[in-house]
Amino acid sequence: MSKRSLPALIALNVVLLLALALVSLSPSPAQAQGFAAARFLMVSGPTTGRSQQDVIYVIEMNSARVLAAFYNSGTDTWEVIGGANMLNQFRGN
């Protein structure tokens, strides 16, 4: 290796290192979703008739539908108690 090639290789390594740092540290462009996802709210609470178990209420915020379910540890499954449309309940339908 000649004395001229060593500084050239060091300079090339520095340039490649700077290029790698520039590519790695630059922020990626933002990507938007094509459609809005459903919004859910999940709340736990007591219910009548089940003193040892709480019920999980899952509410879909866009359509105001609610689902009540609980976990049955005896059968290791989720059991749905029922569902309702809250808009119809508030309107009296």
PDB file of N, CA and C in Angstrom:
ATOM      1  N   MET A   1       0.849  -1.163   0.000  1.00  0.00           N
ATOM      2  CA  MET A   1       0.000   0.000   0.000  1.00  0.00           C
ATOM      3  C   MET A   1       0.904   1.239   0.000  1.00  0.00           C
ATOM      4  N   SER A   2       0.626   2.157  -0.885  1.00  0.00           N
ATOM      5  CA  SER A   2       1.469   3.352  -0.980  1.00  0.00           C
ATOM      6  C   SER A   2       1.031   4.397   0.036  1.00  0.00           C
ATOM      7  N   LYS A   3       1.866   5.399   0.207  1.00  0.00           N
ATOM      8  CA  LYS A   3       1.565   6.453   1.171  1.00  0.00           C
ATOM      9  C   LYS A   3       0.390   7.306   0.708  1.00  0.00           C
ATOM     10  N   ARG A   4       0.127   7.347  -0.581  1.00  0.00           N
ATOM     11  CA  ARG A   4      -0.987   8.133  -1.109  1.00  0.00           C
ATOM     12  C   ARG A   4      -2.326   7.436  -0.916  1.00  0.00           C
ATOM     13  N   SER A   5      -2.341   6.127  -0.909  1.00  0.00           N
ATOM     14  CA  SER A   5      -3.613   5.404  -0.824  1.00  0.00           C
ATOM     15  C   SER A   5      -4.190   5.393   0.592  1.00  0.00           C
ATOM     16  N   LEU A   6      -3.373   5.469   1.622  1.00  0.00           N
ATOM     17  CA  LEU A   6      -3.879   5.448   3.002  1.00  0.00           C
ATOM     18  C   LEU A   6      -4.746   6.670   3.308  1.00  0.00           C
ATOM     19  N   PRO A   7      -4.321   7.897   3.031  1.00  0.00           N
ATOM     20  CA  PRO A   7      -5.214   9.045   3.270  1.00  0.00           C
ATOM     21  C   PRO A   7      -6.474   9.000   2.405  1.00  0.00           C
ATOM     22  N   ALA A   8      -6.370   8.474   1.206  1.00  0.00           N
ATOM     23  CA  ALA A   8      -7.555   8.365   0.345  1.00  0.00           C
ATOM     24  C   ALA A   8      -8.559   7.377   0.934  1.00  0.00           C
ATOM     25  N   LEU A   9      -8.080   6.263   1.471  1.00  0.00           N
ATOM     26  CA  LEU A   9      -8.985   5.291   2.102  1.00  0.00           C
ATOM     27  C   LEU A   9      -9.604   5.853   3.379  1.00  0.00           C
ATOM     28  N   ILE A  10      -8.846   6.599   4.150  1.00  0.00           N
ATOM     29  CA  ILE A  10      -9.392   7.223   5.368  1.00  0.00           C
ATOM     30  C   ILE A  10     -10.470   8.238   4.989  1.00  0.00           C
ATOM     31  N   ALA A  11     -10.210   9.049   3.968  1.00  0.00           N
ATOM     32  CA  ALA A  11     -11.201  10.028   3.514  1.00  0.00           C
ATOM     33  C   ALA A  11     -12.455   9.330   2.998  1.00  0.00           C
ATOM     34  N   LEU A  12     -12.284   8.245   2.275  1.00  0.00           N
ATOM     35  CA  LEU A  12     -13.437   7.488   1.782  1.00  0.00           C
ATOM     36  C   LEU A  12     -14.255   6.915   2.939  1.00  0.00           C
ATOM     37  N   ASN A  13     -13.590   6.394   3.964  1.00  0.00           N
ATOM     38  CA  ASN A  13     -14.291   5.869   5.140  1.00  0.00           C
ATOM     39  C   ASN A  13     -15.055   6.967   5.867  1.00  0.00           C
ATOM     40  N   VAL A  14     -14.475   8.149   5.978  1.00  0.00           N
ATOM     41  CA  VAL A  14     -15.164   9.266   6.637  1.00  0.00           C
ATOM     42  C   VAL A  14     -16.400   9.665   5.836  1.00  0.00           C
ATOM     43  N   VAL A  15     -16.274   9.738   4.517  1.00  0.00           N
ATOM     44  CA  VAL A  15     -17.419  10.090   3.671  1.00  0.00           C
ATOM     45  C   VAL A  15     -18.517   9.037   3.795  1.00  0.00           C
ATOM     46  N   LEU A  16     -18.161   7.777   3.780  1.00  0.00           N
ATOM     47  CA  LEU A  16     -19.160   6.707   3.920  1.00  0.00           C
ATOM     48  C   LEU A  16     -19.812   6.729   5.294  1.00  0.00           C
ATOM     49  N   LEU A  17     -19.043   7.019   6.333  1.00  0.00           N
ATOM     50  CA  LEU A  17     -19.592   7.109   7.688  1.00  0.00           C
ATOM     51  C   LEU A  17     -20.568   8.274   7.802  1.00  0.00           C
ATOM     52  N   LEU A  18     -20.233   9.416   7.212  1.00  0.00           N
ATOM     53  CA  LEU A  18     -21.149  10.561   7.224  1.00  0.00           C
ATOM     54  C   LEU A  18     -22.423  10.262   6.436  1.00  0.00           C
ATOM     55  N   ALA A  19     -22.302   9.578   5.320  1.00  0.00           N
ATOM     56  CA  ALA A  19     -23.487   9.212   4.538  1.00  0.00           C
ATOM     57  C   ALA A  19     -24.381   8.253   5.317  1.00  0.00           C
ATOM     58  N   LEU A  20     -23.773   7.309   6.014  1.00  0.00           N
ATOM     59  CA  LEU A  20     -24.550   6.374   6.829  1.00  0.00           C
ATOM     60  C   LEU A  20     -25.257   7.097   7.968  1.00  0.00           C
ATOM     61  N   ALA A  21     -24.567   8.040   8.612  1.00  0.00           N
ATOM     62  CA  ALA A  21     -25.184   8.808   9.696  1.00  0.00           C
ATOM     63  C   ALA A  21     -26.323   9.668   9.170  1.00  0.00           C
ATOM     64  N   LEU A  22     -26.143  10.255   8.002  1.00  0.00           N
ATOM     65  CA  LEU A  22     -27.187  11.093   7.420  1.00  0.00           C
ATOM     66  C   LEU A  22     -28.436  10.282   7.095  1.00  0.00           C
ATOM     67  N   VAL A  23     -28.264   9.116   6.539  1.00  0.00           N
ATOM     68  CA  VAL A  23     -29.407   8.262   6.193  1.00  0.00           C
ATOM     69  C   VAL A  23     -30.077   7.713   7.446  1.00  0.00           C
ATOM     70  N   SER A  24     -29.304   7.355   8.445  1.00  0.00           N
ATOM     71  CA  SER A  24     -29.853   6.742   9.658  1.00  0.00           C
ATOM     72  C   SER A  24     -30.557   7.749  10.551  1.00  0.00           C
ATOM     73  N   LEU A  25     -30.062   8.962  10.624  1.00  0.00           N
ATOM     74  CA  LEU A  25     -30.595   9.939  11.565  1.00  0.00           C
ATOM     75  C   LEU A  25     -31.660  10.850  10.979  1.00  0.00           C
ATOM     76  N   SER A  26     -31.862  10.836   9.688  1.00  0.00           N
ATOM     77  CA  SER A  26     -32.895  11.686   9.098  1.00  0.00           C
ATOM     78  C   SER A  26     -34.267  11.096   9.409  1.00  0.00           C
ATOM     79  N   PRO A  27     -35.248  11.958   9.737  1.00  0.00           N
ATOM     80  CA  PRO A  27     -36.580  11.443  10.085  1.00  0.00           C
ATOM     81  C   PRO A  27     -37.278  10.844   8.869  1.00  0.00           C
ATOM     82  N   SER A  28     -38.044   9.805   9.130  1.00  0.00           N
ATOM     83  CA  SER A  28     -38.800   9.182   8.046  1.00  0.00           C
ATOM     84  C   SER A  28     -40.064   9.995   7.783  1.00  0.00           C
ATOM     85  N   PRO A  29     -40.565  10.002   6.568  1.00  0.00           N
ATOM     86  CA  PRO A  29     -41.772  10.769   6.268  1.00  0.00           C
ATOM     87  C   PRO A  29     -42.985  10.174   6.976  1.00  0.00           C
ATOM     88  N   ALA A  30     -43.909  11.051   7.337  1.00  0.00           N
ATOM     89  CA  ALA A  30     -45.122  10.612   8.022  1.00  0.00           C
ATOM     90  C   ALA A  30     -46.029   9.876   7.046  1.00  0.00           C
ATOM     91  N   GLN A  31     -46.717   8.870   7.564  1.00  0.00           N
ATOM     92  CA  GLN A  31     -47.638   8.103   6.746  1.00  0.00           C
ATOM     93  C   GLN A  31     -49.013   8.166   7.389  1.00  0.00           C
ATOM     94  N   ALA A  32     -49.983   8.606   6.638  1.00  0.00           N
ATOM     95  CA  ALA A  32     -51.340   8.713   7.152  1.00  0.00           C
ATOM     96  C   ALA A  32     -52.118   7.446   6.834  1.00  0.00           C
ATOM     97  N   GLN A  33     -53.107   7.164   7.668  1.00  0.00           N
ATOM     98  CA  GLN A  33     -53.974   6.022   7.416  1.00  0.00           C
ATOM     99  C   GLN A  33     -55.009   6.412   6.370  1.00  0.00           C
ATOM    100  N   GLY A  34     -55.406   5.436   5.579  1.00  0.00           N
ATOM    101  CA  GLY A  34     -56.377   5.691   4.536  1.00  0.00           C
ATOM    102  C   GLY A  34     -57.791   5.889   5.053  1.00  0.00           C
ATOM    103  N   PHE A  35     -58.092   5.351   6.208  1.00  0.00           N
ATOM    104  CA  PHE A  35     -59.432   5.468   6.768  1.00  0.00           C
ATOM    105  C   PHE A  35     -59.318   5.517   8.291  1.00  0.00           C
ATOM    106  N   ALA A  36     -60.322   6.052   8.911  1.00  0.00           N
ATOM    107  CA  ALA A  36     -60.322   6.155  10.367  1.00  0.00           C
ATOM    108  C   ALA A  36     -60.675   4.807  10.976  1.00  0.00           C
ATOM    109  N   ALA A  37     -59.953   4.427  11.980  1.00  0.00           N
ATOM    110  CA  ALA A  37     -60.223   3.169  12.669  1.00  0.00           C
ATOM    111  C   ALA A  37     -61.363   3.373  13.668  1.00  0.00           C
ATOM    112  N   ALA A  38     -61.969   2.290  14.051  1.00  0.00           N
ATOM    113  CA  ALA A  38     -63.025   2.351  15.055  1.00  0.00           C
ATOM    114  C   ALA A  38     -62.412   2.702  16.404  1.00  0.00           C
ATOM    115  N   ARG A  39     -63.159   3.423  17.202  1.00  0.00           N
ATOM    116  CA  ARG A  39     -62.692   3.804  18.533  1.00  0.00           C
ATOM    117  C   ARG A  39     -63.472   2.987  19.555  1.00  0.00           C
ATOM    118  N   PHE A  40     -62.760   2.377  20.477  1.00  0.00           N
ATOM    119  CA  PHE A  40     -63.378   1.538  21.489  1.00  0.00           C
ATOM    120  C   PHE A  40     -63.046   2.067  22.872  1.00  0.00           C
ATOM    121  N   LEU A  41     -63.954   1.849  23.794  1.00  0.00           N
ATOM    122  CA  LEU A  41     -63.746   2.162  25.194  1.00  0.00           C
ATOM    123  C   LEU A  41     -64.077   0.900  25.973  1.00  0.00           C
ATOM    124  N   MET A  42     -63.193   0.490  26.874  1.00  0.00           N
ATOM    125  CA  MET A  42     -63.416  -0.721  27.657  1.00  0.00           C
ATOM    126  C   MET A  42     -63.400  -0.345  29.133  1.00  0.00           C
ATOM    127  N   VAL A  43     -64.468  -0.695  29.834  1.00  0.00           N
ATOM    128  CA  VAL A  43     -64.629  -0.347  31.239  1.00  0.00           C
ATOM    129  C   VAL A  43     -65.047  -1.598  31.991  1.00  0.00           C
ATOM    130  N   SER A  44     -64.477  -1.792  33.164  1.00  0.00           N
ATOM    131  CA  SER A  44     -64.918  -2.914  33.999  1.00  0.00           C
ATOM    132  C   SER A  44     -65.786  -2.373  35.122  1.00  0.00           C
ATOM    133  N   GLY A  45     -66.718  -3.200  35.563  1.00  0.00           N
ATOM    134  CA  GLY A  45     -67.599  -2.773  36.634  1.00  0.00           C
ATOM    135  C   GLY A  45     -68.450  -3.915  37.138  1.00  0.00           C
ATOM    136  N   PRO A  46     -69.082  -3.706  38.283  1.00  0.00           N
ATOM    137  CA  PRO A  46     -69.930  -4.756  38.850  1.00  0.00           C
ATOM    138  C   PRO A  46     -71.244  -4.878  38.081  1.00  0.00           C
ATOM    139  N   THR A  47     -71.873  -6.000  38.285  1.00  0.00           N
ATOM    140  CA  THR A  47     -73.186  -6.228  37.693  1.00  0.00           C
ATOM    141  C   THR A  47     -74.047  -6.972  38.701  1.00  0.00           C
ATOM    142  N   THR A  48     -75.329  -6.917  38.532  1.00  0.00           N
ATOM    143  CA  THR A  48     -76.217  -7.614  39.453  1.00  0.00           C
ATOM    144  C   THR A  48     -76.196  -9.103  39.156  1.00  0.00           C
ATOM    145  N   GLY A  49     -76.232  -9.896  40.193  1.00  0.00           N
ATOM    146  CA  GLY A  49     -76.267 -11.343  40.043  1.00  0.00           C
ATOM    147  C   GLY A  49     -74.906 -12.006  40.019  1.00  0.00           C
ATOM    148  N   ARG A  50     -73.845 -11.258  40.007  1.00  0.00           N
ATOM    149  CA  ARG A  50     -72.485 -11.824  39.993  1.00  0.00           C
ATOM    150  C   ARG A  50     -71.667 -11.086  41.041  1.00  0.00           C
ATOM    151  N   SER A  51     -71.634 -11.627  42.236  1.00  0.00           N
ATOM    152  CA  SER A  51     -70.937 -10.932  43.320  1.00  0.00           C
ATOM    153  C   SER A  51     -69.427 -11.106  43.256  1.00  0.00           C
ATOM    154  N   GLN A  52     -68.942 -12.189  42.681  1.00  0.00           N
ATOM    155  CA  GLN A  52     -67.507 -12.464  42.652  1.00  0.00           C
ATOM    156  C   GLN A  52     -66.838 -12.061  41.342  1.00  0.00           C
ATOM    157  N   GLN A  53     -67.614 -11.666  40.360  1.00  0.00           N
ATOM    158  CA  GLN A  53     -67.045 -11.355  39.051  1.00  0.00           C
ATOM    159  C   GLN A  53     -67.485  -9.975  38.591  1.00  0.00           C
ATOM    160  N   ASP A  54     -66.530  -9.242  38.034  1.00  0.00           N
ATOM    161  CA  ASP A  54     -66.863  -7.983  37.381  1.00  0.00           C
ATOM    162  C   ASP A  54     -67.083  -8.245  35.897  1.00  0.00           C
ATOM    163  N   VAL A  55     -67.810  -7.365  35.286  1.00  0.00           N
ATOM    164  CA  VAL A  55     -68.118  -7.475  33.871  1.00  0.00           C
ATOM    165  C   VAL A  55     -67.288  -6.446  33.118  1.00  0.00           C
ATOM    166  N   ILE A  56     -66.887  -6.777  31.909  1.00  0.00           N
ATOM    167  CA  ILE A  56     -66.197  -5.828  31.045  1.00  0.00           C
ATOM    168  C   ILE A  56     -67.199  -5.333  30.014  1.00  0.00           C
ATOM    169  N   TYR A  57     -67.339  -4.020  29.968  1.00  0.00           N
ATOM    170  CA  TYR A  57     -68.207  -3.383  28.987  1.00  0.00           C
ATOM    171  C   TYR A  57     -67.321  -2.811  27.881  1.00  0.00           C
ATOM    172  N   VAL A  58     -67.551  -3.238  26.648  1.00  0.00           N
ATOM    173  CA  VAL A  58     -66.806  -2.730  25.497  1.00  0.00           C
ATOM    174  C   VAL A  58     -67.768  -1.861  24.700  1.00  0.00           C
ATOM    175  N   ILE A  59     -67.419  -0.584  24.557  1.00  0.00           N
ATOM    176  CA  ILE A  59     -68.282   0.373  23.868  1.00  0.00           C
ATOM    177  C   ILE A  59     -67.588   0.812  22.584  1.00  0.00           C
ATOM    178  N   GLU A  60     -68.266   0.656  21.465  1.00  0.00           N
ATOM    179  CA  GLU A  60     -67.759   1.140  20.181  1.00  0.00           C
ATOM    180  C   GLU A  60     -68.263   2.566  20.035  1.00  0.00           C
ATOM    181  N   MET A  61     -67.341   3.527  20.056  1.00  0.00           N
ATOM    182  CA  MET A  61     -67.702   4.932  20.186  1.00  0.00           C
ATOM    183  C   MET A  61     -68.378   5.504  18.939  1.00  0.00           C
ATOM    184  N   ASN A  62     -68.070   5.008  17.759  1.00  0.00           N
ATOM    185  CA  ASN A  62     -68.648   5.574  16.539  1.00  0.00           C
ATOM    186  C   ASN A  62     -70.133   5.276  16.413  1.00  0.00           C
ATOM    187  N   SER A  63     -70.559   4.085  16.797  1.00  0.00           N
ATOM    188  CA  SER A  63     -71.969   3.721  16.644  1.00  0.00           C
ATOM    189  C   SER A  63     -72.687   3.567  17.978  1.00  0.00           C
ATOM    190  N   ALA A  64     -71.999   3.755  19.102  1.00  0.00           N
ATOM    191  CA  ALA A  64     -72.564   3.676  20.451  1.00  0.00           C
ATOM    192  C   ALA A  64     -73.137   2.300  20.765  1.00  0.00           C
ATOM    193  N   ARG A  65     -72.520   1.261  20.223  1.00  0.00           N
ATOM    194  CA  ARG A  65     -72.918  -0.100  20.579  1.00  0.00           C
ATOM    195  C   ARG A  65     -72.111  -0.537  21.786  1.00  0.00           C
ATOM    196  N   VAL A  66     -72.730  -1.295  22.669  1.00  0.00           N
ATOM    197  CA  VAL A  66     -72.058  -1.764  23.874  1.00  0.00           C
ATOM    198  C   VAL A  66     -72.211  -3.274  23.968  1.00  0.00           C
ATOM    199  N   LEU A  67     -71.170  -3.915  24.481  1.00  0.00           N
ATOM    200  CA  LEU A  67     -71.149  -5.357  24.665  1.00  0.00           C
ATOM    201  C   LEU A  67     -70.699  -5.624  26.089  1.00  0.00           C
ATOM    202  N   ALA A  68     -71.394  -6.491  26.796  1.00  0.00           N
ATOM    203  CA  ALA A  68     -71.019  -6.870  28.154  1.00  0.00           C
ATOM    204  C   ALA A  68     -70.559  -8.318  28.146  1.00  0.00           C
ATOM    205  N   ALA A  69     -69.393  -8.574  28.741  1.00  0.00           N
ATOM    206  CA  ALA A  69     -68.835  -9.925  28.766  1.00  0.00           C
ATOM    207  C   ALA A  69     -68.066 -10.124  30.061  1.00  0.00           C
ATOM    208  N   PHE A  70     -67.874 -11.391  30.433  1.00  0.00           N
ATOM    209  CA  PHE A  70     -67.057 -11.710  31.599  1.00  0.00           C
ATOM    210  C   PHE A  70     -66.222 -12.937  31.293  1.00  0.00           C
ATOM    211  N   TYR A  71     -65.154 -13.101  32.056  1.00  0.00           N
ATOM    212  CA  TYR A  71     -64.256 -14.241  31.882  1.00  0.00           C
ATOM    213  C   TYR A  71     -64.676 -15.336  32.846  1.00  0.00           C
ATOM    214  N   ASN A  72     -64.973 -16.516  32.322  1.00  0.00           N
ATOM    215  CA  ASN A  72     -65.347 -17.663  33.135  1.00  0.00           C
ATOM    216  C   ASN A  72     -64.087 -18.487  33.371  1.00  0.00           C
ATOM    217  N   SER A  73     -63.552 -18.430  34.584  1.00  0.00           N
ATOM    218  CA  SER A  73     -62.305 -19.145  34.871  1.00  0.00           C
ATOM    219  C   SER A  73     -62.516 -20.655  34.938  1.00  0.00           C
ATOM    220  N   GLY A  74     -63.732 -21.106  35.166  1.00  0.00           N
ATOM    221  CA  GLY A  74     -64.004 -22.537  35.202  1.00  0.00           C
ATOM    222  C   GLY A  74     -63.851 -23.196  33.844  1.00  0.00           C
ATOM    223  N   THR A  75     -64.332 -22.508  32.813  1.00  0.00           N
ATOM    224  CA  THR A  75     -64.230 -23.049  31.454  1.00  0.00           C
ATOM    225  C   THR A  75     -63.117 -22.389  30.644  1.00  0.00           C
ATOM    226  N   ASP A  76     -62.436 -21.398  31.229  1.00  0.00           N
ATOM    227  CA  ASP A  76     -61.330 -20.686  30.582  1.00  0.00           C
ATOM    228  C   ASP A  76     -61.772 -20.042  29.270  1.00  0.00           C
ATOM    229  N   THR A  77     -62.968 -19.418  29.295  1.00  0.00           N
ATOM    230  CA  THR A  77     -63.507 -18.766  28.099  1.00  0.00           C
ATOM    231  C   THR A  77     -64.132 -17.428  28.477  1.00  0.00           C
ATOM    232  N   TRP A  78     -64.305 -16.578  27.471  1.00  0.00           N
ATOM    233  CA  TRP A  78     -65.057 -15.342  27.631  1.00  0.00           C
ATOM    234  C   TRP A  78     -66.508 -15.631  27.295  1.00  0.00           C
ATOM    235  N   GLU A  79     -67.406 -15.176  28.125  1.00  0.00           N
ATOM    236  CA  GLU A  79     -68.838 -15.373  27.888  1.00  0.00           C
ATOM    237  C   GLU A  79     -69.500 -14.017  27.711  1.00  0.00           C
ATOM    238  N   VAL A  80     -70.227 -13.883  26.622  1.00  0.00           N
ATOM    239  CA  VAL A  80     -70.925 -12.638  26.326  1.00  0.00           C
ATOM    240  C   VAL A  80     -72.259 -12.648  27.050  1.00  0.00           C
ATOM    241  N   ILE A  81     -72.514 -11.608  27.820  1.00  0.00           N
ATOM    242  CA  ILE A  81     -73.786 -11.490  28.534  1.00  0.00           C
ATOM    243  C   ILE A  81     -74.838 -10.898  27.606  1.00  0.00           C
ATOM    244  N   GLY A  82     -74.470  -9.858  26.889  1.00  0.00           N
ATOM    245  CA  GLY A  82     -75.417  -9.249  25.972  1.00  0.00           C
ATOM    246  C   GLY A  82     -74.847  -7.999  25.351  1.00  0.00           C
ATOM    247  N   GLY A  83     -75.595  -7.458  24.424  1.00  0.00           N
ATOM    248  CA  GLY A  83     -75.188  -6.239  23.752  1.00  0.00           C
ATOM    249  C   GLY A  83     -76.391  -5.357  23.507  1.00  0.00           C
ATOM    250  N   ALA A  84     -76.125  -4.091  23.264  1.00  0.00           N
ATOM    251  CA  ALA A  84     -77.213  -3.151  23.018  1.00  0.00           C
ATOM    252  C   ALA A  84     -76.691  -1.978  22.210  1.00  0.00           C
ATOM    253  N   ASN A  85     -77.607  -1.309  21.544  1.00  0.00           N
ATOM    254  CA  ASN A  85     -77.302  -0.066  20.858  1.00  0.00           C
ATOM    255  C   ASN A  85     -77.713   1.061  21.790  1.00  0.00           C
ATOM    256  N   MET A  86     -76.744   1.814  22.285  1.00  0.00           N
ATOM    257  CA  MET A  86     -77.036   2.838  23.284  1.00  0.00           C
ATOM    258  C   MET A  86     -77.872   3.980  22.718  1.00  0.00           C
ATOM    259  N   LEU A  87     -77.732   4.284  21.437  1.00  0.00           N
ATOM    260  CA  LEU A  87     -78.559   5.342  20.855  1.00  0.00           C
ATOM    261  C   LEU A  87     -80.031   4.969  20.916  1.00  0.00           C
ATOM    262  N   ASN A  88     -80.350   3.715  20.620  1.00  0.00           N
ATOM    263  CA  ASN A  88     -81.741   3.268  20.708  1.00  0.00           C
ATOM    264  C   ASN A  88     -82.222   3.257  22.151  1.00  0.00           C
ATOM    265  N   GLN A  89     -81.356   2.922  23.092  1.00  0.00           N
ATOM    266  CA  GLN A  89     -81.741   2.903  24.500  1.00  0.00           C
ATOM    267  C   GLN A  89     -82.073   4.310  24.991  1.00  0.00           C
ATOM    268  N   PHE A  90     -81.285   5.301  24.580  1.00  0.00           N
ATOM    269  CA  PHE A  90     -81.536   6.675  25.017  1.00  0.00           C
ATOM    270  C   PHE A  90     -82.773   7.268  24.363  1.00  0.00           C
ATOM    271  N   ARG A  91     -83.073   6.825  23.150  1.00  0.00           N
ATOM    272  CA  ARG A  91     -84.265   7.317  22.456  1.00  0.00           C
ATOM    273  C   ARG A  91     -85.533   6.624  22.930  1.00  0.00           C
ATOM    274  N   GLY A  92     -85.386   5.521  23.642  1.00  0.00           N
ATOM    275  CA  GLY A  92     -86.544   4.791  24.128  1.00  0.00           C
ATOM    276  C   GLY A  92     -87.051   3.744  23.164  1.00  0.00           C
ATOM    277  N   ASN A  93     -86.257   3.370  22.167  1.00  0.00           N
ATOM    278  CA  ASN A  93     -86.669   2.352  21.184  1.00  0.00           C
ATOM    279  C   ASN A  93     -86.377   0.972  21.696  1.00  0.00           C
TER     280      ASN A  93
END
